[in-house]
C-alpha atoms as a PDB file:
ATOM      1  CA  UNK A   1     159.658  87.535 108.366  1.00  0.00           C
ATOM      2  CA  UNK A   2     161.656  88.045 111.140  1.00  0.00           C
ATOM      3  CA  UNK A   3     160.264  90.503 114.129  1.00  0.00           C
ATOM      4  CA  UNK A   4     162.946  92.776 113.216  1.00  0.00           C
ATOM      5  CA  UNK A   5     161.989  93.028 109.575  1.00  0.00           C
ATOM      6  CA  UNK A   6     158.124  93.644 110.410  1.00  0.00           C
ATOM      7  CA  UNK A   7     159.077  96.683 112.469  1.00  0.00           C
ATOM      8  CA  UNK A   8     161.376  98.260 109.632  1.00  0.00           C
ATOM      9  CA  UNK A   9     160.067 101.083 107.962  1.00  0.00           C
ATOM     10  CA  UNK A  10     158.708 101.579 104.872  1.00  0.00           C
ATOM     11  CA  UNK A  11     157.653  97.913 104.437  1.00  0.00           C
ATOM     12  CA  UNK A  12     154.740  96.803 102.921  1.00  0.00           C
ATOM     13  CA  UNK A  13     152.670  94.590 105.333  1.00  0.00           C
ATOM     14  CA  UNK A  14     149.899  92.660 105.027  1.00  0.00           C
ATOM     15  CA  UNK A  15     148.039  93.270 108.349  1.00  0.00           C
ATOM     16  CA  UNK A  16     144.440  92.102 109.996  1.00  0.00           C
ATOM     17  CA  UNK A  17     142.261  94.571 109.209  1.00  0.00           C
ATOM     18  CA  UNK A  18     140.809  94.861 112.840  1.00  0.00           C
ATOM     19  CA  UNK A  19     144.408  95.630 114.042  1.00  0.00           C
ATOM     20  CA  UNK A  20     144.396  99.294 112.296  1.00  0.00           C
ATOM     21  CA  UNK A  21     142.536 102.162 114.158  1.00  0.00           C
ATOM     22  CA  UNK A  22     141.315 105.087 112.296  1.00  0.00           C
ATOM     23  CA  UNK A  23     143.685 108.317 112.713  1.00  0.00           C
ATOM     24  CA  UNK A  24     142.321 110.701 115.560  1.00  0.00           C
ATOM     25  CA  UNK A  25     143.969 113.500 113.418  1.00  0.00           C
ATOM     26  CA  UNK A  26     141.134 112.595 110.526  1.00  0.00           C
ATOM     27  CA  UNK A  27     139.994 116.297 109.172  1.00  0.00           C
ATOM     28  CA  UNK A  28     137.079 114.608 107.465  1.00  0.00           C
ATOM     29  CA  UNK A  29     134.105 114.181 109.447  1.00  0.00           C
ATOM     30  CA  UNK A  30     131.689 113.375 106.764  1.00  0.00           C
ATOM     31  CA  UNK A  31     132.235 110.738 103.908  1.00  0.00           C
ATOM     32  CA  UNK A  32     130.423 110.210 101.114  1.00  0.00           C
ATOM     33  CA  UNK A  33     128.978 106.389 101.426  1.00  0.00           C
ATOM     34  CA  UNK A  34     127.822 105.515  97.871  1.00  0.00           C
ATOM     35  CA  UNK A  35     131.296 106.536  97.154  1.00  0.00           C
ATOM     36  CA  UNK A  36     132.937 104.292  99.616  1.00  0.00           C
ATOM     37  CA  UNK A  37     130.408 101.688  98.276  1.00  0.00           C
ATOM     38  CA  UNK A  38     131.960 102.049  94.772  1.00  0.00           C
ATOM     39  CA  UNK A  39     135.297 101.932  96.039  1.00  0.00           C
ATOM     40  CA  UNK A  40     134.254  98.615  98.108  1.00  0.00           C
ATOM     41  CA  UNK A  41     133.112  97.081  95.087  1.00  0.00           C
ATOM     42  CA  UNK A  42     136.414  98.155  92.827  1.00  0.00           C
ATOM     43  CA  UNK A  43     138.858  96.563  95.502  1.00  0.00           C
ATOM     44  CA  UNK A  44     136.523  93.374  95.529  1.00  0.00           C
ATOM     45  CA  UNK A  45     137.141  93.220  91.887  1.00  0.00           C
ATOM     46  CA  UNK A  46     140.337  94.493  91.639  1.00  0.00           C
ATOM     47  CA  UNK A  47     142.301  94.435  94.680  1.00  0.00           C
ATOM     48  CA  UNK A  48     143.583  97.436  96.858  1.00  0.00           C
ATOM     49  CA  UNK A  49     145.749  98.975  94.606  1.00  0.00           C
ATOM     50  CA  UNK A  50     147.598 101.464  96.788  1.00  0.00           C
ATOM     51  CA  UNK A  51     148.365 100.349 100.474  1.00  0.00           C
ATOM     52  CA  UNK A  52     146.970 102.172 103.342  1.00  0.00           C
ATOM     53  CA  UNK A  53     149.800 103.647 105.467  1.00  0.00           C
ATOM     54  CA  UNK A  54     149.625 103.267 109.166  1.00  0.00           C
ATOM     55  CA  UNK A  55     152.220 103.597 112.357  1.00  0.00           C
ATOM     56  CA  UNK A  56     152.500 101.091 115.416  1.00  0.00           C
ATOM     57  CA  UNK A  57     151.228 102.201 118.504  1.00  0.00           C
ATOM     58  CA  UNK A  58     151.403  98.685 120.482  1.00  0.00           C
ATOM     59  CA  UNK A  59     151.975  95.254 120.505  1.00  0.00           C
ATOM     60  CA  UNK A  60     150.197  94.319 117.268  1.00  0.00           C
ATOM     61  CA  UNK A  61     148.190  97.442 117.137  1.00  0.00           C
ATOM     62  CA  UNK A  62     148.612  99.772 114.137  1.00  0.00           C
ATOM     63  CA  UNK A  63     146.914 103.539 113.560  1.00  0.00           C
ATOM     64  CA  UNK A  64     146.188 104.869 110.555  1.00  0.00           C
ATOM     65  CA  UNK A  65     148.170 107.733 108.575  1.00  0.00           C
ATOM     66  CA  UNK A  66     146.566 108.012 105.386  1.00  0.00           C
ATOM     67  CA  UNK A  67     143.837 105.843 103.979  1.00  0.00           C
ATOM     68  CA  UNK A  68     140.510 106.463 105.330  1.00  0.00           C
ATOM     69  CA  UNK A  69     138.331 105.830 102.481  1.00  0.00           C
ATOM     70  CA  UNK A  70     140.399 102.980 101.444  1.00  0.00           C
ATOM     71  CA  UNK A  71     140.165 101.429 104.883  1.00  0.00           C
ATOM     72  CA  UNK A  72     136.495 101.843 104.701  1.00  0.00           C
ATOM     73  CA  UNK A  73     135.903 100.266 101.463  1.00  0.00           C
ATOM     74  CA  UNK A  74     137.780  97.404 102.995  1.00  0.00           C
ATOM     75  CA  UNK A  75     135.743  96.994 105.870  1.00  0.00           C
ATOM     76  CA  UNK A  76     132.751  97.384 103.446  1.00  0.00           C
ATOM     77  CA  UNK A  77     134.089  94.672 101.466  1.00  0.00           C
ATOM     78  CA  UNK A  78     134.776  92.348 104.612  1.00  0.00           C
ATOM     79  CA  UNK A  79     138.241  91.889 103.690  1.00  0.00           C
ATOM     80  CA  UNK A  80     140.252  90.054 106.248  1.00  0.00           C
ATOM     81  CA  UNK A  81     144.063  91.423 105.629  1.00  0.00           C
ATOM     82  CA  UNK A  82     145.156  94.487 103.695  1.00  0.00           C
ATOM     83  CA  UNK A  83     148.381  95.579 102.275  1.00  0.00           C
ATOM     84  CA  UNK A  84     149.684  98.615 105.079  1.00  0.00           C
ATOM     85  CA  UNK A  85     152.948 100.852 104.894  1.00  0.00           C
ATOM     86  CA  UNK A  86     154.789 100.760 107.907  1.00  0.00           C
ATOM     87  CA  UNK A  87     155.833 104.542 108.903  1.00  0.00           C
ATOM     88  CA  UNK A  88     157.484 105.782 111.446  1.00  0.00           C
ATOM     89  CA  UNK A  89     155.378 109.337 112.157  1.00  0.00           C
ATOM     90  CA  UNK A  90     154.972 110.926 115.788  1.00  0.00           C
ATOM     91  CA  UNK A  91     151.615 112.768 116.330  1.00  0.00           C
ATOM     92  CA  UNK A  92     152.760 116.012 114.369  1.00  0.00           C
ATOM     93  CA  UNK A  93     153.777 114.391 111.275  1.00  0.00           C
ATOM     94  CA  UNK A  94     151.016 111.990 111.411  1.00  0.00           C
ATOM     95  CA  UNK A  95     148.089 114.675 111.529  1.00  0.00           C
ATOM     96  CA  UNK A  96     149.923 117.120 108.612  1.00  0.00           C
ATOM     97  CA  UNK A  97     149.836 113.801 106.432  1.00  0.00           C
ATOM     98  CA  UNK A  98     146.275 113.063 106.835  1.00  0.00           C
ATOM     99  CA  UNK A  99     145.353 116.530 106.382  1.00  0.00           C
ATOM    100  CA  UNK A 100     147.451 116.935 102.836  1.00  0.00           C
ATOM    101  CA  UNK A 101     146.050 113.471 101.692  1.00  0.00           C
ATOM    102  CA  UNK A 102     142.710 114.769 101.823  1.00  0.00           C
ATOM    103  CA  UNK A 103     143.736 118.072 100.569  1.00  0.00           C
ATOM    104  CA  UNK A 104     145.252 116.366  97.566  1.00  0.00           C
ATOM    105  CA  UNK A 105     143.125 113.645  96.556  1.00  0.00           C
ATOM    106  CA  UNK A 106     139.699 114.760  97.536  1.00  0.00           C
ATOM    107  CA  UNK A 107     138.206 118.128  98.207  1.00  0.00           C
ATOM    108  CA  UNK A 108     137.179 118.279 102.104  1.00  0.00           C
ATOM    109  CA  UNK A 109     134.349 120.451 103.225  1.00  0.00           C
ATOM    110  CA  UNK A 110     135.385 123.845 103.844  1.00  0.00           C
ATOM    111  CA  UNK A 111     134.927 123.532 107.534  1.00  0.00           C
ATOM    112  CA  UNK A 112     136.763 120.143 107.505  1.00  0.00           C
ATOM    113  CA  UNK A 113     139.771 121.942 106.012  1.00  0.00           C
ATOM    114  CA  UNK A 114     140.069 125.101 108.619  1.00  0.00           C
ATOM    115  CA  UNK A 115     139.407 122.882 111.466  1.00  0.00           C
ATOM    116  CA  UNK A 116     142.339 120.371 109.841  1.00  0.00           C
ATOM    117  CA  UNK A 117     144.600 123.307 109.587  1.00  0.00           C
ATOM    118  CA  UNK A 118     143.986 124.664 112.888  1.00  0.00           C
ATOM    119  CA  UNK A 119     144.785 121.274 114.191  1.00  0.00           C
ATOM    120  CA  UNK A 120     148.316 120.892 112.180  1.00  0.00           C
ATOM    121  CA  UNK A 121     149.081 124.552 113.416  1.00  0.00           C
ATOM    122  CA  UNK A 122     148.851 124.183 116.782  1.00  0.00           C
ATOM    123  CA  UNK A 123     150.616 120.295 116.494  1.00  0.00           C
ATOM    124  CA  UNK A 124     153.582 122.172 114.413  1.00  0.00           C
ATOM    125  CA  UNK A 125     153.367 125.260 117.133  1.00  0.00           C
ATOM    126  CA  UNK A 126     153.769 127.317 113.948  1.00  0.00           C
ATOM    127  CA  UNK A 127     152.888 130.769 112.659  1.00  0.00           C
ATOM    128  CA  UNK A 128     150.174 130.931 109.745  1.00  0.00           C
ATOM    129  CA  UNK A 129     153.006 131.786 107.262  1.00  0.00           C
ATOM    130  CA  UNK A 130     154.933 128.528 107.962  1.00  0.00           C
ATOM    131  CA  UNK A 131     152.002 126.079 108.401  1.00  0.00           C
ATOM    132  CA  UNK A 132     150.850 127.699 104.562  1.00  0.00           C
ATOM    133  CA  UNK A 133     154.465 127.010 103.271  1.00  0.00           C
ATOM    134  CA  UNK A 134     154.255 123.229 104.431  1.00  0.00           C
ATOM    135  CA  UNK A 135     150.579 123.112 103.491  1.00  0.00           C
ATOM    136  CA  UNK A 136     151.482 124.107  99.756  1.00  0.00           C
ATOM    137  CA  UNK A 137     149.003 127.199 100.688  1.00  0.00           C
ATOM    138  CA  UNK A 138     149.444 130.978 100.332  1.00  0.00           C
ATOM    139  CA  UNK A 139     149.023 132.665 103.610  1.00  0.00           C
ATOM    140  CA  UNK A 140     145.895 134.640 102.436  1.00  0.00           C
ATOM    141  CA  UNK A 141     144.323 131.438 101.363  1.00  0.00           C
ATOM    142  CA  UNK A 142     145.173 129.735 104.217  1.00  0.00           C
ATOM    143  CA  UNK A 143     143.901 132.825 106.499  1.00  0.00           C
ATOM    144  CA  UNK A 144     140.835 133.026 104.861  1.00  0.00           C
ATOM    145  CA  UNK A 145     140.405 129.278 105.146  1.00  0.00           C
ATOM    146  CA  UNK A 146     140.847 129.674 109.200  1.00  0.00           C
ATOM    147  CA  UNK A 147     138.363 132.914 109.212  1.00  0.00           C
ATOM    148  CA  UNK A 148     135.431 130.587 108.141  1.00  0.00           C
ATOM    149  CA  UNK A 149     135.594 129.108 111.982  1.00  0.00           C
ATOM    150  CA  UNK A 150     134.761 132.216 113.115  1.00  0.00           C
ATOM    151  CA  UNK A 151     131.417 131.266 111.568  1.00  0.00           C
ATOM    152  CA  UNK A 152     128.980 129.461 114.643  1.00  0.00           C
ATOM    153  CA  UNK A 153     128.167 125.634 114.535  1.00  0.00           C
ATOM    154  CA  UNK A 154     125.446 126.189 113.743  1.00  0.00           C
ATOM    155  CA  UNK A 155     125.550 128.476 110.418  1.00  0.00           C
ATOM    156  CA  UNK A 156     128.395 126.311 109.655  1.00  0.00           C
ATOM    157  CA  UNK A 157     126.253 123.269 109.797  1.00  0.00           C
ATOM    158  CA  UNK A 158     123.483 125.317 107.121  1.00  0.00           C
ATOM    159  CA  UNK A 159     126.426 125.907 105.039  1.00  0.00           C
ATOM    160  CA  UNK A 160     127.218 122.036 104.741  1.00  0.00           C
ATOM    161  CA  UNK A 161     123.430 120.712 104.912  1.00  0.00           C
ATOM    162  CA  UNK A 162     122.684 123.020 102.063  1.00  0.00           C
ATOM    163  CA  UNK A 163     126.037 122.422  99.783  1.00  0.00           C
ATOM    164  CA  UNK A 164     126.996 126.220 100.119  1.00  0.00           C
ATOM    165  CA  UNK A 165     130.803 126.852  98.962  1.00  0.00           C
ATOM    166  CA  UNK A 166     133.644 128.405 100.657  1.00  0.00           C
ATOM    167  CA  UNK A 167     133.224 131.502  98.956  1.00  0.00           C
ATOM    168  CA  UNK A 168     129.486 131.912  99.955  1.00  0.00           C
ATOM    169  CA  UNK A 169     130.435 131.671 103.778  1.00  0.00           C
ATOM    170  CA  UNK A 170     133.106 134.017 103.428  1.00  0.00           C
ATOM    171  CA  UNK A 171     130.589 136.659 101.727  1.00  0.00           C
ATOM    172  CA  UNK A 172     128.555 136.762 104.692  1.00  0.00           C
ATOM    173  CA  UNK A 173     131.383 137.007 106.929  1.00  0.00           C
ATOM    174  CA  UNK A 174     131.522 141.021 106.223  1.00  0.00           C
ATOM    175  CA  UNK A 175     128.133 141.307 108.013  1.00  0.00           C
ATOM    176  CA  UNK A 176     127.569 141.354 111.733  1.00  0.00           C
ATOM    177  CA  UNK A 177     127.101 137.889 113.741  1.00  0.00           C
ATOM    178  CA  UNK A 178     123.524 138.516 114.387  1.00  0.00           C
ATOM    179  CA  UNK A 179     122.663 138.755 110.439  1.00  0.00           C
ATOM    180  CA  UNK A 180     124.798 136.335 109.185  1.00  0.00           C
ATOM    181  CA  UNK A 181     122.044 133.439 109.899  1.00  0.00           C
ATOM    182  CA  UNK A 182     119.526 134.927 107.737  1.00  0.00           C
ATOM    183  CA  UNK A 183     121.632 135.983 104.738  1.00  0.00           C
ATOM    184  CA  UNK A 184     123.107 132.116 104.785  1.00  0.00           C
ATOM    185  CA  UNK A 185     119.244 131.137 104.814  1.00  0.00           C
ATOM    186  CA  UNK A 186     118.272 133.711 102.020  1.00  0.00           C
ATOM    187  CA  UNK A 187     121.348 132.213 100.003  1.00  0.00           C
ATOM    188  CA  UNK A 188     120.280 128.920 100.458  1.00  0.00           C
ATOM    189  CA  UNK A 189     116.204 129.394  99.977  1.00  0.00           C
ATOM    190  CA  UNK A 190     117.164 131.351  96.700  1.00  0.00           C
ATOM    191  CA  UNK A 191     119.814 129.260  95.602  1.00  0.00           C
ATOM    192  CA  UNK A 192     121.719 132.314  94.977  1.00  0.00           C
ATOM    193  CA  UNK A 193     125.398 132.161  93.008  1.00  0.00           C
ATOM    194  CA  UNK A 194     128.728 133.563  94.613  1.00  0.00           C
ATOM    195  CA  UNK A 195     127.870 136.687  92.978  1.00  0.00           C
ATOM    196  CA  UNK A 196     124.348 137.299  94.089  1.00  0.00           C
ATOM    197  CA  UNK A 197     125.267 136.464  97.429  1.00  0.00           C
ATOM    198  CA  UNK A 198     128.245 139.125  97.378  1.00  0.00           C
ATOM    199  CA  UNK A 199     125.356 141.539  96.132  1.00  0.00           C
ATOM    200  CA  UNK A 200     123.134 140.267  98.987  1.00  0.00           C
ATOM    201  CA  UNK A 201     125.632 141.426 101.559  1.00  0.00           C
ATOM    202  CA  UNK A 202     126.317 144.431  99.816  1.00  0.00           C
ATOM    203  CA  UNK A 203     122.220 145.750 100.073  1.00  0.00           C
ATOM    204  CA  UNK A 204     122.342 144.607 103.798  1.00  0.00           C
ATOM    205  CA  UNK A 205     125.100 146.528 104.577  1.00  0.00           C
ATOM    206  CA  UNK A 206     124.091 149.762 102.987  1.00  0.00           C
ATOM    207  CA  UNK A 207     120.228 149.233 104.693  1.00  0.00           C
ATOM    208  CA  UNK A 208     119.560 151.278 107.822  1.00  0.00           C
ATOM    209  CA  UNK A 209     120.461 149.661 110.808  1.00  0.00           C
ATOM    210  CA  UNK A 210     117.843 150.990 113.016  1.00  0.00           C
ATOM    211  CA  UNK A 211     114.436 152.624 112.576  1.00  0.00           C
ATOM    212  CA  UNK A 212     113.911 155.852 110.681  1.00  0.00           C
ATOM    213  CA  UNK A 213     114.690 158.580 112.233  1.00  0.00           C
ATOM    214  CA  UNK A 214     111.070 160.000 111.319  1.00  0.00           C
ATOM    215  CA  UNK A 215     109.414 157.212 113.474  1.00  0.00           C
ATOM    216  CA  UNK A 216     109.149 156.982 117.040  1.00  0.00           C
ATOM    217  CA  UNK A 217     108.958 153.259 118.668  1.00  0.00           C
ATOM    218  CA  UNK A 218     106.791 153.492 121.334  1.00  0.00           C
ATOM    219  CA  UNK A 219     107.383 150.475 123.657  1.00  0.00           C
ATOM    220  CA  UNK A 220     104.298 147.902 125.044  1.00  0.00           C
ATOM    221  CA  UNK A 221     104.150 147.891 128.391  1.00  0.00           C
ATOM    222  CA  UNK A 222     102.002 145.105 129.595  1.00  0.00           C
ATOM    223  CA  UNK A 223     101.916 145.623 133.343  1.00  0.00           C
ATOM    224  CA  UNK A 224      98.236 147.259 134.043  1.00  0.00           C
ATOM    225  CA  UNK A 225      99.882 149.190 136.783  1.00  0.00           C
ATOM    226  CA  UNK A 226     101.805 151.225 134.827  1.00  0.00           C
ATOM    227  CA  UNK A 227      98.474 152.713 133.144  1.00  0.00           C
ATOM    228  CA  UNK A 228      96.688 152.571 136.205  1.00  0.00           C
ATOM    229  CA  UNK A 229      98.988 155.076 138.246  1.00  0.00           C
ATOM    230  CA  UNK A 230      99.407 157.214 134.863  1.00  0.00           C
ATOM    231  CA  UNK A 231      95.587 157.712 135.065  1.00  0.00           C
ATOM    232  CA  UNK A 232      95.968 157.974 138.905  1.00  0.00           C
ATOM    233  CA  UNK A 233      98.757 160.724 138.404  1.00  0.00           C
ATOM    234  CA  UNK A 234      96.785 162.882 136.175  1.00  0.00           C
ATOM    235  CA  UNK A 235      93.521 162.997 138.596  1.00  0.00           C
ATOM    236  CA  UNK A 236      96.135 163.648 141.378  1.00  0.00           C
ATOM    237  CA  UNK A 237      97.351 166.642 139.456  1.00  0.00           C
ATOM    238  CA  UNK A 238      93.606 168.049 139.101  1.00  0.00           C
ATOM    239  CA  UNK A 239      92.596 167.710 142.685  1.00  0.00           C
ATOM    240  CA  UNK A 240      95.700 169.510 143.733  1.00  0.00           C
ATOM    241  CA  UNK A 241      94.312 172.638 141.102  1.00  0.00           C
ATOM    242  CA  UNK A 242      91.411 172.552 142.971  1.00  0.00           C
ATOM    243  CA  UNK A 243      89.161 170.183 140.321  1.00  0.00           C
ATOM    244  CA  UNK A 244      86.819 167.773 142.190  1.00  0.00           C
ATOM    245  CA  UNK A 245      87.897 165.098 140.126  1.00  0.00           C
ATOM    246  CA  UNK A 246      86.892 161.834 141.573  1.00  0.00           C
ATOM    247  CA  UNK A 247      87.608 158.257 140.250  1.00  0.00           C
ATOM    248  CA  UNK A 248      86.515 154.405 140.810  1.00  0.00           C
ATOM    249  CA  UNK A 249      88.035 151.207 139.720  1.00  0.00           C
ATOM    250  CA  UNK A 250      86.112 147.862 139.236  1.00  0.00           C
ATOM    251  CA  UNK A 251      86.880 144.775 137.739  1.00  0.00           C
ATOM    252  CA  UNK A 252      84.078 142.848 135.684  1.00  0.00           C
ATOM    253  CA  UNK A 253      83.787 140.578 132.507  1.00  0.00           C
ATOM    254  CA  UNK A 254      87.608 140.559 132.301  1.00  0.00           C
ATOM    255  CA  UNK A 255      88.389 144.201 132.428  1.00  0.00           C
ATOM    256  CA  UNK A 256      89.501 146.626 134.874  1.00  0.00           C
ATOM    257  CA  UNK A 257      86.662 149.503 134.594  1.00  0.00           C
ATOM    258  CA  UNK A 258      88.731 153.059 135.597  1.00  0.00           C
ATOM    259  CA  UNK A 259      85.754 155.295 135.440  1.00  0.00           C
ATOM    260  CA  UNK A 260      87.215 159.420 136.284  1.00  0.00           C
ATOM    261  CA  UNK A 261      84.545 161.815 137.399  1.00  0.00           C
ATOM    262  CA  UNK A 262      85.628 165.202 136.455  1.00  0.00           C
ATOM    263  CA  UNK A 263      83.210 168.312 137.068  1.00  0.00           C
ATOM    264  CA  UNK A 264      82.234 170.528 133.706  1.00  0.00           C
ATOM    265  CA  UNK A 265      79.599 173.216 133.344  1.00  0.00           C
ATOM    266  CA  UNK A 266      76.978 173.861 130.784  1.00  0.00           C
ATOM    267  CA  UNK A 267      79.628 174.948 127.994  1.00  0.00           C
ATOM    268  CA  UNK A 268      81.541 171.711 129.006  1.00  0.00           C
ATOM    269  CA  UNK A 269      84.553 173.544 130.560  1.00  0.00           C
ATOM    270  CA  UNK A 270      85.931 172.137 133.334  1.00  0.00           C
ATOM    271  CA  UNK A 271      84.504 174.371 136.298  1.00  0.00           C
ATOM    272  CA  UNK A 272      87.246 176.549 137.902  1.00  0.00           C
ATOM    273  CA  UNK A 273      88.942 175.789 141.136  1.00  0.00           C
ATOM    274  CA  UNK A 274      87.148 176.780 144.327  1.00  0.00           C
ATOM    275  CA  UNK A 275      88.618 179.690 146.706  1.00  0.00           C
ATOM    276  CA  UNK A 276      89.534 177.157 149.459  1.00  0.00           C
ATOM    277  CA  UNK A 277      92.283 174.872 147.355  1.00  0.00           C
ATOM    278  CA  UNK A 278      92.012 171.050 147.703  1.00  0.00           C
ATOM    279  CA  UNK A 279      95.529 170.114 148.249  1.00  0.00           C
ATOM    280  CA  UNK A 280      98.481 172.372 149.591  1.00  0.00           C
ATOM    281  CA  UNK A 281      99.969 172.543 146.055  1.00  0.00           C
ATOM    282  CA  UNK A 282      96.957 174.605 144.966  1.00  0.00           C
ATOM    283  CA  UNK A 283      97.886 177.398 147.333  1.00  0.00           C
ATOM    284  CA  UNK A 284     100.018 178.969 144.527  1.00  0.00           C
ATOM    285  CA  UNK A 285      96.736 179.922 142.806  1.00  0.00           C
ATOM    286  CA  UNK A 286      95.367 183.099 142.864  1.00  0.00           C
ATOM    287  CA  UNK A 287      91.996 182.591 144.503  1.00  0.00           C
ATOM    288  CA  UNK A 288      88.781 183.796 142.271  1.00  0.00           C
ATOM    289  CA  UNK A 289      86.446 186.100 144.114  1.00  0.00           C
ATOM    290  CA  UNK A 290      83.237 184.703 145.734  1.00  0.00           C
ATOM    291  CA  UNK A 291      81.284 187.016 143.497  1.00  0.00           C
ATOM    292  CA  UNK A 292      82.312 185.449 140.237  1.00  0.00           C
ATOM    293  CA  UNK A 293      83.076 182.214 141.086  1.00  0.00           C
ATOM    294  CA  UNK A 294      80.136 179.908 139.171  1.00  0.00           C
ATOM    295  CA  UNK A 295      78.267 177.354 140.813  1.00  0.00           C
ATOM    296  CA  UNK A 296      79.349 173.826 140.906  1.00  0.00           C
ATOM    297  CA  UNK A 297      77.412 171.937 138.104  1.00  0.00           C
ATOM    298  CA  UNK A 298      74.717 169.403 139.455  1.00  0.00           C
ATOM    299  CA  UNK A 299      75.308 165.863 139.334  1.00  0.00           C
ATOM    300  CA  UNK A 300      73.672 165.552 135.634  1.00  0.00           C
ATOM    301  CA  UNK A 301      75.987 167.569 134.444  1.00  0.00           C
ATOM    302  CA  UNK A 302      79.071 165.480 135.432  1.00  0.00           C
ATOM    303  CA  UNK A 303      80.789 163.579 132.854  1.00  0.00           C
ATOM    304  CA  UNK A 304      81.932 159.716 133.370  1.00  0.00           C
ATOM    305  CA  UNK A 305      84.986 159.009 130.946  1.00  0.00           C
ATOM    306  CA  UNK A 306      85.772 155.279 130.827  1.00  0.00           C
ATOM    307  CA  UNK A 307      88.767 153.667 130.227  1.00  0.00           C
ATOM    308  CA  UNK A 308      89.073 149.600 129.903  1.00  0.00           C
ATOM    309  CA  UNK A 309      92.364 148.109 130.417  1.00  0.00           C
ATOM    310  CA  UNK A 310      92.258 144.551 129.078  1.00  0.00           C
END
């Protein structure tokens, strides 16, 4: 066969298998290895019934257009040469035909399908409506497939690993992004149907998004200085009002011991301020007549309050 004849498009050639490289536009990322092995056995017994499609990319170099599973099976069967149809396709046509073959012959992972559609739209430079027409899909169906790509890569892997369907994945798209992973994990863990998944999403959307208004959340402050400063501020207010409160702070046995000493009378009430205030802020307080001033309590009447901050 002349060189001119071998370059004619549409002709079936018997090509060395090592001269065919995979398509860079292959939409499928995961292949069923047992299925490929079964196809390899069939090819060994009956031959390759349908040639693969290739395009020329260099001297004696070809790139696969369609037939990734058949090419893999032929490699597994250790064939040296395989029949191939020579096609004259550019990048755009090659990518579209590869995607169409996968859509028509074997069900793709829904995320592989979405990525493939996105790639051919980019190559075609067309609208979603035009892409839907070319791919034989309705525009809403195509848009729903592309929406799957709004899930994070981790969420997509979660769906794939647990064999969740496209409808399962679409169900959680109604949730805010931060709540989708939890929903997918529950769907996978409880093996929920699509209908049950929709009900789960409905219940999550109906649930309150924050704490109950009747409950007040108290934040936890781990810096002990906040507590010490708060206690000292309270003591400072007492001294400004003329109460002879004192404090001491010591660290022992892994605890910070903060002691507040407040003078109290025999009746357990804090003693009244003295006529001479301990701080300028107490000047606005009316002084108590000397005759009515109770005596300061003895040391035995002073109670200690110990606060341990762990």
